[in-house]
mmCIF file of all heavy atoms, coordinates in Angstrom:
data_MODEL
# 
_entry.id   MODEL 
# 
loop_
_atom_site.group_PDB 
_atom_site.id 
_atom_site.type_symbol 
_atom_site.label_atom_id 
_atom_site.label_alt_id 
_atom_site.label_comp_id 
_atom_site.label_asym_id 
_atom_site.label_entity_id 
_atom_site.label_seq_id 
_atom_site.pdbx_PDB_ins_code 
_atom_site.Cartn_x 
_atom_site.Cartn_y 
_atom_site.Cartn_z 
_atom_site.occupancy 
_atom_site.B_iso_or_equiv 
_atom_site.pdbx_formal_charge 
_atom_site.auth_seq_id 
_atom_site.auth_comp_id 
_atom_site.auth_asym_id 
_atom_site.auth_atom_id 
_atom_site.pdbx_PDB_model_num 
ATOM 1   N N   . SER A 1 1  ? -10.163 -5.840  -9.753  1.00 0.00 ? 1  SER A N   1 
ATOM 2   C CA  . SER A 1 1  ? -9.320  -5.987  -10.942 1.00 0.00 ? 1  SER A CA  1 
ATOM 3   C C   . SER A 1 1  ? -7.798  -5.948  -10.777 1.00 0.00 ? 1  SER A C   1 
ATOM 4   O O   . SER A 1 1  ? -6.994  -6.310  -11.654 1.00 0.00 ? 1  SER A O   1 
ATOM 5   C CB  . SER A 1 1  ? -9.671  -4.843  -11.958 1.00 0.00 ? 1  SER A CB  1 
ATOM 6   O OG  . SER A 1 1  ? -9.385  -3.636  -11.449 1.00 0.00 ? 1  SER A OG  1 
ATOM 7   N N   . LEU A 1 2  ? -7.353  -5.619  -9.447  1.00 0.00 ? 2  LEU A N   1 
ATOM 8   C CA  . LEU A 1 2  ? -5.894  -5.538  -9.269  1.00 0.00 ? 2  LEU A CA  1 
ATOM 9   C C   . LEU A 1 2  ? -5.298  -6.834  -9.345  1.00 0.00 ? 2  LEU A C   1 
ATOM 10  O O   . LEU A 1 2  ? -5.674  -7.768  -8.722  1.00 0.00 ? 2  LEU A O   1 
ATOM 11  C CB  . LEU A 1 2  ? -5.682  -4.844  -7.889  1.00 0.00 ? 2  LEU A CB  1 
ATOM 12  C CG  . LEU A 1 2  ? -6.156  -3.425  -7.792  1.00 0.00 ? 2  LEU A CG  1 
ATOM 13  C CD1 . LEU A 1 2  ? -5.891  -2.938  -6.433  1.00 0.00 ? 2  LEU A CD1 1 
ATOM 14  C CD2 . LEU A 1 2  ? -5.244  -2.587  -8.765  1.00 0.00 ? 2  LEU A CD2 1 
ATOM 15  N N   . GLN A 1 3  ? -4.024  -6.884  -9.998  1.00 0.00 ? 3  GLN A N   1 
ATOM 16  C CA  . GLN A 1 3  ? -3.300  -8.139  -10.173 1.00 0.00 ? 3  GLN A CA  1 
ATOM 17  C C   . GLN A 1 3  ? -2.226  -8.079  -9.066  1.00 0.00 ? 3  GLN A C   1 
ATOM 18  O O   . GLN A 1 3  ? -1.028  -7.802  -9.221  1.00 0.00 ? 3  GLN A O   1 
ATOM 19  C CB  . GLN A 1 3  ? -2.609  -8.149  -11.503 1.00 0.00 ? 3  GLN A CB  1 
ATOM 20  C CG  . GLN A 1 3  ? -3.666  -8.178  -12.699 1.00 0.00 ? 3  GLN A CG  1 
ATOM 21  C CD  . GLN A 1 3  ? -4.537  -9.442  -12.680 1.00 0.00 ? 3  GLN A CD  1 
ATOM 22  O OE1 . GLN A 1 3  ? -4.059  -10.570 -12.500 1.00 0.00 ? 3  GLN A OE1 1 
ATOM 23  N NE2 . GLN A 1 3  ? -5.877  -9.225  -12.674 1.00 0.00 ? 3  GLN A NE2 1 
ATOM 24  N N   . TRP A 1 4  ? -2.625  -8.491  -7.809  1.00 0.00 ? 4  TRP A N   1 
ATOM 25  C CA  . TRP A 1 4  ? -1.682  -8.518  -6.765  1.00 0.00 ? 4  TRP A CA  1 
ATOM 26  C C   . TRP A 1 4  ? -2.068  -9.645  -5.818  1.00 0.00 ? 4  TRP A C   1 
ATOM 27  O O   . TRP A 1 4  ? -3.130  -10.135 -5.947  1.00 0.00 ? 4  TRP A O   1 
ATOM 28  C CB  . TRP A 1 4  ? -1.486  -7.250  -6.041  1.00 0.00 ? 4  TRP A CB  1 
ATOM 29  C CG  . TRP A 1 4  ? -2.670  -6.623  -5.322  1.00 0.00 ? 4  TRP A CG  1 
ATOM 30  C CD1 . TRP A 1 4  ? -3.996  -7.268  -5.122  1.00 0.00 ? 4  TRP A CD1 1 
ATOM 31  C CD2 . TRP A 1 4  ? -2.792  -5.406  -4.665  1.00 0.00 ? 4  TRP A CD2 1 
ATOM 32  N NE1 . TRP A 1 4  ? -4.757  -6.422  -4.426  1.00 0.00 ? 4  TRP A NE1 1 
ATOM 33  C CE2 . TRP A 1 4  ? -4.049  -5.306  -4.089  1.00 0.00 ? 4  TRP A CE2 1 
ATOM 34  C CE3 . TRP A 1 4  ? -1.908  -4.309  -4.469  1.00 0.00 ? 4  TRP A CE3 1 
ATOM 35  C CZ2 . TRP A 1 4  ? -4.667  -4.196  -3.389  1.00 0.00 ? 4  TRP A CZ2 1 
ATOM 36  C CZ3 . TRP A 1 4  ? -2.318  -3.235  -3.774  1.00 0.00 ? 4  TRP A CZ3 1 
ATOM 37  C CH2 . TRP A 1 4  ? -3.691  -3.176  -3.218  1.00 0.00 ? 4  TRP A CH2 1 
ATOM 38  N N   . ASP A 1 5  ? -1.192  -10.055 -4.975  1.00 0.00 ? 5  ASP A N   1 
ATOM 39  C CA  . ASP A 1 5  ? -1.359  -11.135 -3.978  1.00 0.00 ? 5  ASP A CA  1 
ATOM 40  C C   . ASP A 1 5  ? -0.674  -10.760 -2.716  1.00 0.00 ? 5  ASP A C   1 
ATOM 41  O O   . ASP A 1 5  ? 0.463   -11.046 -2.555  1.00 0.00 ? 5  ASP A O   1 
ATOM 42  C CB  . ASP A 1 5  ? -0.900  -12.464 -4.519  1.00 0.00 ? 5  ASP A CB  1 
ATOM 43  C CG  . ASP A 1 5  ? -1.207  -13.550 -3.537  1.00 0.00 ? 5  ASP A CG  1 
ATOM 44  O OD1 . ASP A 1 5  ? -1.835  -13.310 -2.505  1.00 0.00 ? 5  ASP A OD1 1 
ATOM 45  O OD2 . ASP A 1 5  ? -0.804  -14.734 -3.794  1.00 0.00 ? 5  ASP A OD2 1 
ATOM 46  N N   . LEU A 1 6  ? -1.464  -10.060 -1.841  1.00 0.00 ? 6  LEU A N   1 
ATOM 47  C CA  . LEU A 1 6  ? -0.860  -9.664  -0.550  1.00 0.00 ? 6  LEU A CA  1 
ATOM 48  C C   . LEU A 1 6  ? -0.954  -10.719 0.560   1.00 0.00 ? 6  LEU A C   1 
ATOM 49  O O   . LEU A 1 6  ? -0.402  -10.543 1.666   1.00 0.00 ? 6  LEU A O   1 
ATOM 50  C CB  . LEU A 1 6  ? -1.470  -8.353  -0.101  1.00 0.00 ? 6  LEU A CB  1 
ATOM 51  C CG  . LEU A 1 6  ? -1.365  -7.199  -1.019  1.00 0.00 ? 6  LEU A CG  1 
ATOM 52  C CD1 . LEU A 1 6  ? -2.283  -5.969  -0.594  1.00 0.00 ? 6  LEU A CD1 1 
ATOM 53  C CD2 . LEU A 1 6  ? 0.084   -6.700  -1.146  1.00 0.00 ? 6  LEU A CD2 1 
ATOM 54  N N   . GLY A 1 7  ? -1.609  -11.821 0.295   1.00 0.00 ? 7  GLY A N   1 
ATOM 55  C CA  . GLY A 1 7  ? -1.971  -12.746 1.264   1.00 0.00 ? 7  GLY A CA  1 
ATOM 56  C C   . GLY A 1 7  ? -3.389  -13.005 1.392   1.00 0.00 ? 7  GLY A C   1 
ATOM 57  O O   . GLY A 1 7  ? -4.266  -12.695 0.447   1.00 0.00 ? 7  GLY A O   1 
ATOM 58  N N   . GLU A 1 8  ? -3.904  -13.547 2.485   1.00 0.00 ? 8  GLU A N   1 
ATOM 59  C CA  . GLU A 1 8  ? -5.320  -13.764 2.695   1.00 0.00 ? 8  GLU A CA  1 
ATOM 60  C C   . GLU A 1 8  ? -6.031  -12.431 3.174   1.00 0.00 ? 8  GLU A C   1 
ATOM 61  O O   . GLU A 1 8  ? -6.280  -12.264 4.331   1.00 0.00 ? 8  GLU A O   1 
ATOM 62  C CB  . GLU A 1 8  ? -5.428  -14.986 3.744   1.00 0.00 ? 8  GLU A CB  1 
ATOM 63  C CG  . GLU A 1 8  ? -4.788  -16.229 3.198   1.00 0.00 ? 8  GLU A CG  1 
ATOM 64  C CD  . GLU A 1 8  ? -4.822  -17.356 4.261   1.00 0.00 ? 8  GLU A CD  1 
ATOM 65  O OE1 . GLU A 1 8  ? -5.501  -17.100 5.329   1.00 0.00 ? 8  GLU A OE1 1 
ATOM 66  O OE2 . GLU A 1 8  ? -4.209  -18.368 3.967   1.00 0.00 ? 8  GLU A OE2 1 
ATOM 67  N N   . THR A 1 9  ? -6.354  -11.688 2.233   1.00 0.00 ? 9  THR A N   1 
ATOM 68  C CA  . THR A 1 9  ? -6.944  -10.402 2.557   1.00 0.00 ? 9  THR A CA  1 
ATOM 69  C C   . THR A 1 9  ? -8.444  -10.408 2.632   1.00 0.00 ? 9  THR A C   1 
ATOM 70  O O   . THR A 1 9  ? -9.067  -9.452  2.979   1.00 0.00 ? 9  THR A O   1 
ATOM 71  C CB  . THR A 1 9  ? -6.552  -9.307  1.509   1.00 0.00 ? 9  THR A CB  1 
ATOM 72  O OG1 . THR A 1 9  ? -7.097  -9.693  0.206   1.00 0.00 ? 9  THR A OG1 1 
ATOM 73  C CG2 . THR A 1 9  ? -5.007  -9.273  1.287   1.00 0.00 ? 9  THR A CG2 1 
ATOM 74  N N   . HIS A 1 10 ? -9.142  -11.496 2.047   1.00 0.00 ? 10 HIS A N   1 
ATOM 75  C CA  . HIS A 1 10 ? -10.542 -11.552 2.060   1.00 0.00 ? 10 HIS A CA  1 
ATOM 76  C C   . HIS A 1 10 ? -11.147 -10.364 1.248   1.00 0.00 ? 10 HIS A C   1 
ATOM 77  O O   . HIS A 1 10 ? -12.132 -9.847  1.683   1.00 0.00 ? 10 HIS A O   1 
ATOM 78  C CB  . HIS A 1 10 ? -11.120 -11.674 3.449   1.00 0.00 ? 10 HIS A CB  1 
ATOM 79  C CG  . HIS A 1 10 ? -10.545 -12.726 4.295   1.00 0.00 ? 10 HIS A CG  1 
ATOM 80  N ND1 . HIS A 1 10 ? -10.807 -14.074 4.056   1.00 0.00 ? 10 HIS A ND1 1 
ATOM 81  C CD2 . HIS A 1 10 ? -9.678  -12.713 5.304   1.00 0.00 ? 10 HIS A CD2 1 
ATOM 82  C CE1 . HIS A 1 10 ? -10.104 -14.817 4.920   1.00 0.00 ? 10 HIS A CE1 1 
ATOM 83  N NE2 . HIS A 1 10 ? -9.392  -13.961 5.681   1.00 0.00 ? 10 HIS A NE2 1 
ATOM 84  N N   . GLY A 1 11 ? -10.438 -9.907  0.226   1.00 0.00 ? 11 GLY A N   1 
ATOM 85  C CA  . GLY A 1 11 ? -10.941 -8.847  -0.613  1.00 0.00 ? 11 GLY A CA  1 
ATOM 86  C C   . GLY A 1 11 ? -10.713 -7.458  -0.047  1.00 0.00 ? 11 GLY A C   1 
ATOM 87  O O   . GLY A 1 11 ? -11.396 -6.482  -0.612  1.00 0.00 ? 11 GLY A O   1 
ATOM 88  N N   . THR A 1 12 ? -9.897  -7.295  0.919   1.00 0.00 ? 12 THR A N   1 
ATOM 89  C CA  . THR A 1 12 ? -9.784  -6.002  1.585   1.00 0.00 ? 12 THR A CA  1 
ATOM 90  C C   . THR A 1 12 ? -8.280  -5.542  1.449   1.00 0.00 ? 12 THR A C   1 
ATOM 91  O O   . THR A 1 12 ? -7.428  -6.308  0.996   1.00 0.00 ? 12 THR A O   1 
ATOM 92  C CB  . THR A 1 12 ? -10.126 -5.952  3.065   1.00 0.00 ? 12 THR A CB  1 
ATOM 93  O OG1 . THR A 1 12 ? -9.224  -6.764  3.768   1.00 0.00 ? 12 THR A OG1 1 
ATOM 94  C CG2 . THR A 1 12 ? -11.579 -6.516  3.251   1.00 0.00 ? 12 THR A CG2 1 
ATOM 95  N N   . VAL A 1 13 ? -8.021  -4.317  1.662   1.00 0.00 ? 13 VAL A N   1 
ATOM 96  C CA  . VAL A 1 13 ? -6.740  -3.814  1.679   1.00 0.00 ? 13 VAL A CA  1 
ATOM 97  C C   . VAL A 1 13 ? -6.576  -2.675  2.711   1.00 0.00 ? 13 VAL A C   1 
ATOM 98  O O   . VAL A 1 13 ? -7.566  -1.910  2.897   1.00 0.00 ? 13 VAL A O   1 
ATOM 99  C CB  . VAL A 1 13 ? -6.323  -3.228  0.264   1.00 0.00 ? 13 VAL A CB  1 
ATOM 100 C CG1 . VAL A 1 13 ? -7.230  -2.047  -0.199  1.00 0.00 ? 13 VAL A CG1 1 
ATOM 101 C CG2 . VAL A 1 13 ? -4.814  -2.811  0.171   1.00 0.00 ? 13 VAL A CG2 1 
ATOM 102 N N   . ALA A 1 14 ? -5.549  -2.690  3.467   1.00 0.00 ? 14 ALA A N   1 
ATOM 103 C CA  . ALA A 1 14 ? -5.279  -1.614  4.436   1.00 0.00 ? 14 ALA A CA  1 
ATOM 104 C C   . ALA A 1 14 ? -4.258  -0.571  3.839   1.00 0.00 ? 14 ALA A C   1 
ATOM 105 O O   . ALA A 1 14 ? -3.182  -0.903  3.410   1.00 0.00 ? 14 ALA A O   1 
ATOM 106 C CB  . ALA A 1 14 ? -4.605  -2.212  5.700   1.00 0.00 ? 14 ALA A CB  1 
ATOM 107 N N   . LEU A 1 15 ? -4.707  0.729   3.752   1.00 0.00 ? 15 LEU A N   1 
ATOM 108 C CA  . LEU A 1 15 ? -3.929  1.748   3.076   1.00 0.00 ? 15 LEU A CA  1 
ATOM 109 C C   . LEU A 1 15 ? -3.600  2.835   4.023   1.00 0.00 ? 15 LEU A C   1 
ATOM 110 O O   . LEU A 1 15 ? -4.309  3.231   4.968   1.00 0.00 ? 15 LEU A O   1 
ATOM 111 C CB  . LEU A 1 15 ? -4.895  2.364   1.953   1.00 0.00 ? 15 LEU A CB  1 
ATOM 112 C CG  . LEU A 1 15 ? -5.382  1.368   0.847   1.00 0.00 ? 15 LEU A CG  1 
ATOM 113 C CD1 . LEU A 1 15 ? -6.230  2.150   -0.090  1.00 0.00 ? 15 LEU A CD1 1 
ATOM 114 C CD2 . LEU A 1 15 ? -4.080  0.791   0.121   1.00 0.00 ? 15 LEU A CD2 1 
ATOM 115 N N   . ARG A 1 16 ? -2.387  3.374   3.781   1.00 0.00 ? 16 ARG A N   1 
ATOM 116 C CA  . ARG A 1 16 ? -1.934  4.494   4.634   1.00 0.00 ? 16 ARG A CA  1 
ATOM 117 C C   . ARG A 1 16 ? -0.922  5.348   3.752   1.00 0.00 ? 16 ARG A C   1 
ATOM 118 O O   . ARG A 1 16 ? -0.252  4.857   2.935   1.00 0.00 ? 16 ARG A O   1 
ATOM 119 C CB  . ARG A 1 16 ? -1.202  4.082   5.828   1.00 0.00 ? 16 ARG A CB  1 
ATOM 120 C CG  . ARG A 1 16 ? -0.800  5.229   6.766   1.00 0.00 ? 16 ARG A CG  1 
ATOM 121 C CD  . ARG A 1 16 ? -0.345  4.800   8.161   1.00 0.00 ? 16 ARG A CD  1 
ATOM 122 N NE  . ARG A 1 16 ? 1.074   4.460   8.282   1.00 0.00 ? 16 ARG A NE  1 
ATOM 123 C CZ  . ARG A 1 16 ? 1.914   5.357   8.554   1.00 0.00 ? 16 ARG A CZ  1 
ATOM 124 N NH1 . ARG A 1 16 ? 1.616   6.665   8.775   1.00 0.00 ? 16 ARG A NH1 1 
ATOM 125 N NH2 . ARG A 1 16 ? 3.330   5.076   8.657   1.00 0.00 ? 16 ARG A NH2 1 
ATOM 126 N N   . MET A 1 17 ? -0.931  6.688   3.965   1.00 0.00 ? 17 MET A N   1 
ATOM 127 C CA  . MET A 1 17 ? -0.056  7.638   3.470   1.00 0.00 ? 17 MET A CA  1 
ATOM 128 C C   . MET A 1 17 ? 0.900   8.105   4.545   1.00 0.00 ? 17 MET A C   1 
ATOM 129 O O   . MET A 1 17 ? 0.329   8.874   5.433   1.00 0.00 ? 17 MET A O   1 
ATOM 130 C CB  . MET A 1 17 ? -0.772  8.813   2.724   1.00 0.00 ? 17 MET A CB  1 
ATOM 131 C CG  . MET A 1 17 ? 0.163   9.763   2.087   1.00 0.00 ? 17 MET A CG  1 
ATOM 132 S SD  . MET A 1 17 ? -0.699  11.157  1.318   1.00 0.00 ? 17 MET A SD  1 
ATOM 133 C CE  . MET A 1 17 ? 0.614   12.227  0.875   1.00 0.00 ? 17 MET A CE  1 
ATOM 134 N N   . PRO A 1 18 ? 2.129   7.774   4.591   1.00 0.00 ? 18 PRO A N   1 
ATOM 135 C CA  . PRO A 1 18 ? 2.930   8.120   5.783   1.00 0.00 ? 18 PRO A CA  1 
ATOM 136 C C   . PRO A 1 18 ? 3.357   9.573   5.606   1.00 0.00 ? 18 PRO A C   1 
ATOM 137 O O   . PRO A 1 18 ? 3.558   10.204  4.574   1.00 0.00 ? 18 PRO A O   1 
ATOM 138 C CB  . PRO A 1 18 ? 4.152   7.208   5.570   1.00 0.00 ? 18 PRO A CB  1 
ATOM 139 C CG  . PRO A 1 18 ? 4.275   6.968   4.105   1.00 0.00 ? 18 PRO A CG  1 
ATOM 140 C CD  . PRO A 1 18 ? 2.903   6.927   3.661   1.00 0.00 ? 18 PRO A CD  1 
ATOM 141 N N   . ASP A 1 19 ? 3.569   10.220  6.802   1.00 0.00 ? 19 ASP A N   1 
ATOM 142 C CA  . ASP A 1 19 ? 3.981   11.531  6.923   1.00 0.00 ? 19 ASP A CA  1 
ATOM 143 C C   . ASP A 1 19 ? 5.511   11.648  7.155   1.00 0.00 ? 19 ASP A C   1 
ATOM 144 O O   . ASP A 1 19 ? 6.006   12.010  8.211   1.00 0.00 ? 19 ASP A O   1 
ATOM 145 C CB  . ASP A 1 19 ? 3.217   12.318  8.022   1.00 0.00 ? 19 ASP A CB  1 
ATOM 146 C CG  . ASP A 1 19 ? 3.455   13.826  7.953   1.00 0.00 ? 19 ASP A CG  1 
ATOM 147 O OD1 . ASP A 1 19 ? 4.022   14.320  7.018   1.00 0.00 ? 19 ASP A OD1 1 
ATOM 148 O OD2 . ASP A 1 19 ? 3.073   14.456  9.041   1.00 0.00 ? 19 ASP A OD2 1 
ATOM 149 N N   . HIS A 1 20 ? 6.257   11.131  6.174   1.00 0.00 ? 20 HIS A N   1 
ATOM 150 C CA  . HIS A 1 20 ? 7.659   11.154  6.329   1.00 0.00 ? 20 HIS A CA  1 
ATOM 151 C C   . HIS A 1 20 ? 8.298   11.464  4.863   1.00 0.00 ? 20 HIS A C   1 
ATOM 152 O O   . HIS A 1 20 ? 8.012   10.874  3.885   1.00 0.00 ? 20 HIS A O   1 
ATOM 153 C CB  . HIS A 1 20 ? 8.233   9.768   6.659   1.00 0.00 ? 20 HIS A CB  1 
ATOM 154 C CG  . HIS A 1 20 ? 9.589   9.772   7.095   1.00 0.00 ? 20 HIS A CG  1 
ATOM 155 N ND1 . HIS A 1 20 ? 10.691  9.852   6.204   1.00 0.00 ? 20 HIS A ND1 1 
ATOM 156 C CD2 . HIS A 1 20 ? 10.243  9.717   8.320   1.00 0.00 ? 20 HIS A CD2 1 
ATOM 157 C CE1 . HIS A 1 20 ? 11.815  9.851   6.754   1.00 0.00 ? 20 HIS A CE1 1 
ATOM 158 N NE2 . HIS A 1 20 ? 11.556  9.767   8.116   1.00 0.00 ? 20 HIS A NE2 1 
ATOM 159 N N   . PRO A 1 21 ? 9.132   12.447  4.800   1.00 0.00 ? 21 PRO A N   1 
ATOM 160 C CA  . PRO A 1 21 ? 9.573   13.001  3.486   1.00 0.00 ? 21 PRO A CA  1 
ATOM 161 C C   . PRO A 1 21 ? 10.354  11.997  2.672   1.00 0.00 ? 21 PRO A C   1 
ATOM 162 O O   . PRO A 1 21 ? 10.105  11.876  1.482   1.00 0.00 ? 21 PRO A O   1 
ATOM 163 C CB  . PRO A 1 21 ? 10.453  14.170  3.888   1.00 0.00 ? 21 PRO A CB  1 
ATOM 164 C CG  . PRO A 1 21 ? 10.851  14.068  5.289   1.00 0.00 ? 21 PRO A CG  1 
ATOM 165 C CD  . PRO A 1 21 ? 9.720   13.292  5.930   1.00 0.00 ? 21 PRO A CD  1 
ATOM 166 N N   . ALA A 1 22 ? 11.243  11.175  3.296   1.00 0.00 ? 22 ALA A N   1 
ATOM 167 C CA  . ALA A 1 22 ? 11.958  10.175  2.546   1.00 0.00 ? 22 ALA A CA  1 
ATOM 168 C C   . ALA A 1 22 ? 11.059  9.042   2.047   1.00 0.00 ? 22 ALA A C   1 
ATOM 169 O O   . ALA A 1 22 ? 11.237  8.604   0.871   1.00 0.00 ? 22 ALA A O   1 
ATOM 170 C CB  . ALA A 1 22 ? 13.083  9.653   3.448   1.00 0.00 ? 22 ALA A CB  1 
ATOM 171 N N   . ALA A 1 23 ? 10.097  8.644   2.956   1.00 0.00 ? 23 ALA A N   1 
ATOM 172 C CA  . ALA A 1 23 ? 9.199   7.627   2.500   1.00 0.00 ? 23 ALA A CA  1 
ATOM 173 C C   . ALA A 1 23 ? 8.339   8.113   1.314   1.00 0.00 ? 23 ALA A C   1 
ATOM 174 O O   . ALA A 1 23 ? 8.082   7.319   0.357   1.00 0.00 ? 23 ALA A O   1 
ATOM 175 C CB  . ALA A 1 23 ? 8.296   7.163   3.602   1.00 0.00 ? 23 ALA A CB  1 
ATOM 176 N N   . LEU A 1 24 ? 7.837   9.293   1.385   1.00 0.00 ? 24 LEU A N   1 
ATOM 177 C CA  . LEU A 1 24 ? 7.035   9.834   0.255   1.00 0.00 ? 24 LEU A CA  1 
ATOM 178 C C   . LEU A 1 24 ? 7.879   10.079  -0.937  1.00 0.00 ? 24 LEU A C   1 
ATOM 179 O O   . LEU A 1 24 ? 7.411   9.766   -2.060  1.00 0.00 ? 24 LEU A O   1 
ATOM 180 C CB  . LEU A 1 24 ? 6.462   11.159  0.711   1.00 0.00 ? 24 LEU A CB  1 
ATOM 181 C CG  . LEU A 1 24 ? 5.325   11.041  1.809   1.00 0.00 ? 24 LEU A CG  1 
ATOM 182 C CD1 . LEU A 1 24 ? 4.867   12.382  2.299   1.00 0.00 ? 24 LEU A CD1 1 
ATOM 183 C CD2 . LEU A 1 24 ? 4.121   10.274  1.274   1.00 0.00 ? 24 LEU A CD2 1 
ATOM 184 N N   . ALA A 1 25 ? 9.066   10.486  -0.864  1.00 0.00 ? 25 ALA A N   1 
ATOM 185 C CA  . ALA A 1 25 ? 10.005  10.594  -2.031  1.00 0.00 ? 25 ALA A CA  1 
ATOM 186 C C   . ALA A 1 25 ? 10.093  9.219   -2.712  1.00 0.00 ? 25 ALA A C   1 
ATOM 187 O O   . ALA A 1 25 ? 10.092  9.161   -4.002  1.00 0.00 ? 25 ALA A O   1 
ATOM 188 C CB  . ALA A 1 25 ? 11.323  11.152  -1.685  1.00 0.00 ? 25 ALA A CB  1 
ATOM 189 N N   . LEU A 1 26 ? 10.265  8.146   -1.889  1.00 0.00 ? 26 LEU A N   1 
ATOM 190 C CA  . LEU A 1 26 ? 10.452  6.863   -2.480  1.00 0.00 ? 26 LEU A CA  1 
ATOM 191 C C   . LEU A 1 26 ? 9.063   6.398   -3.127  1.00 0.00 ? 26 LEU A C   1 
ATOM 192 O O   . LEU A 1 26 ? 9.070   5.942   -4.324  1.00 0.00 ? 26 LEU A O   1 
ATOM 193 C CB  . LEU A 1 26 ? 10.804  5.863   -1.368  1.00 0.00 ? 26 LEU A CB  1 
ATOM 194 C CG  . LEU A 1 26 ? 10.898  4.426   -1.806  1.00 0.00 ? 26 LEU A CG  1 
ATOM 195 C CD1 . LEU A 1 26 ? 12.041  4.188   -2.753  1.00 0.00 ? 26 LEU A CD1 1 
ATOM 196 C CD2 . LEU A 1 26 ? 11.145  3.483   -0.498  1.00 0.00 ? 26 LEU A CD2 1 
ATOM 197 N N   . LEU A 1 27 ? 7.963   6.544   -2.416  1.00 0.00 ? 27 LEU A N   1 
ATOM 198 C CA  . LEU A 1 27 ? 6.745   6.149   -2.916  1.00 0.00 ? 27 LEU A CA  1 
ATOM 199 C C   . LEU A 1 27 ? 6.282   6.809   -4.221  1.00 0.00 ? 27 LEU A C   1 
ATOM 200 O O   . LEU A 1 27 ? 5.609   6.211   -5.055  1.00 0.00 ? 27 LEU A O   1 
ATOM 201 C CB  . LEU A 1 27 ? 5.600   6.273   -1.886  1.00 0.00 ? 27 LEU A CB  1 
ATOM 202 C CG  . LEU A 1 27 ? 5.769   5.311   -0.667  1.00 0.00 ? 27 LEU A CG  1 
ATOM 203 C CD1 . LEU A 1 27 ? 4.948   5.937   0.497   1.00 0.00 ? 27 LEU A CD1 1 
ATOM 204 C CD2 . LEU A 1 27 ? 5.184   3.982   -1.041  1.00 0.00 ? 27 LEU A CD2 1 
ATOM 205 N N   . ARG A 1 28 ? 6.653   8.129   -4.339  1.00 0.00 ? 28 ARG A N   1 
ATOM 206 C CA  . ARG A 1 28 ? 6.319   8.794   -5.560  1.00 0.00 ? 28 ARG A CA  1 
ATOM 207 C C   . ARG A 1 28 ? 6.953   8.120   -6.758  1.00 0.00 ? 28 ARG A C   1 
ATOM 208 O O   . ARG A 1 28 ? 6.507   8.272   -7.926  1.00 0.00 ? 28 ARG A O   1 
ATOM 209 C CB  . ARG A 1 28 ? 6.673   10.326  -5.479  1.00 0.00 ? 28 ARG A CB  1 
ATOM 210 C CG  . ARG A 1 28 ? 5.768   11.053  -4.458  1.00 0.00 ? 28 ARG A CG  1 
ATOM 211 C CD  . ARG A 1 28 ? 6.137   12.423  -4.417  1.00 0.00 ? 28 ARG A CD  1 
ATOM 212 N NE  . ARG A 1 28 ? 5.346   13.123  -3.311  1.00 0.00 ? 28 ARG A NE  1 
ATOM 213 C CZ  . ARG A 1 28 ? 5.910   13.682  -2.243  1.00 0.00 ? 28 ARG A CZ  1 
ATOM 214 N NH1 . ARG A 1 28 ? 7.271   13.592  -2.084  1.00 0.00 ? 28 ARG A NH1 1 
ATOM 215 N NH2 . ARG A 1 28 ? 5.218   14.206  -1.325  1.00 0.00 ? 28 ARG A NH2 1 
# 
């Protein structure tokens, strides 16, 4: 149901939660 277009993903998504304080502050 997600309305996004990341490219030719073939219905998959690669996910990661980085262990970096500035990156997490931004992502939140």
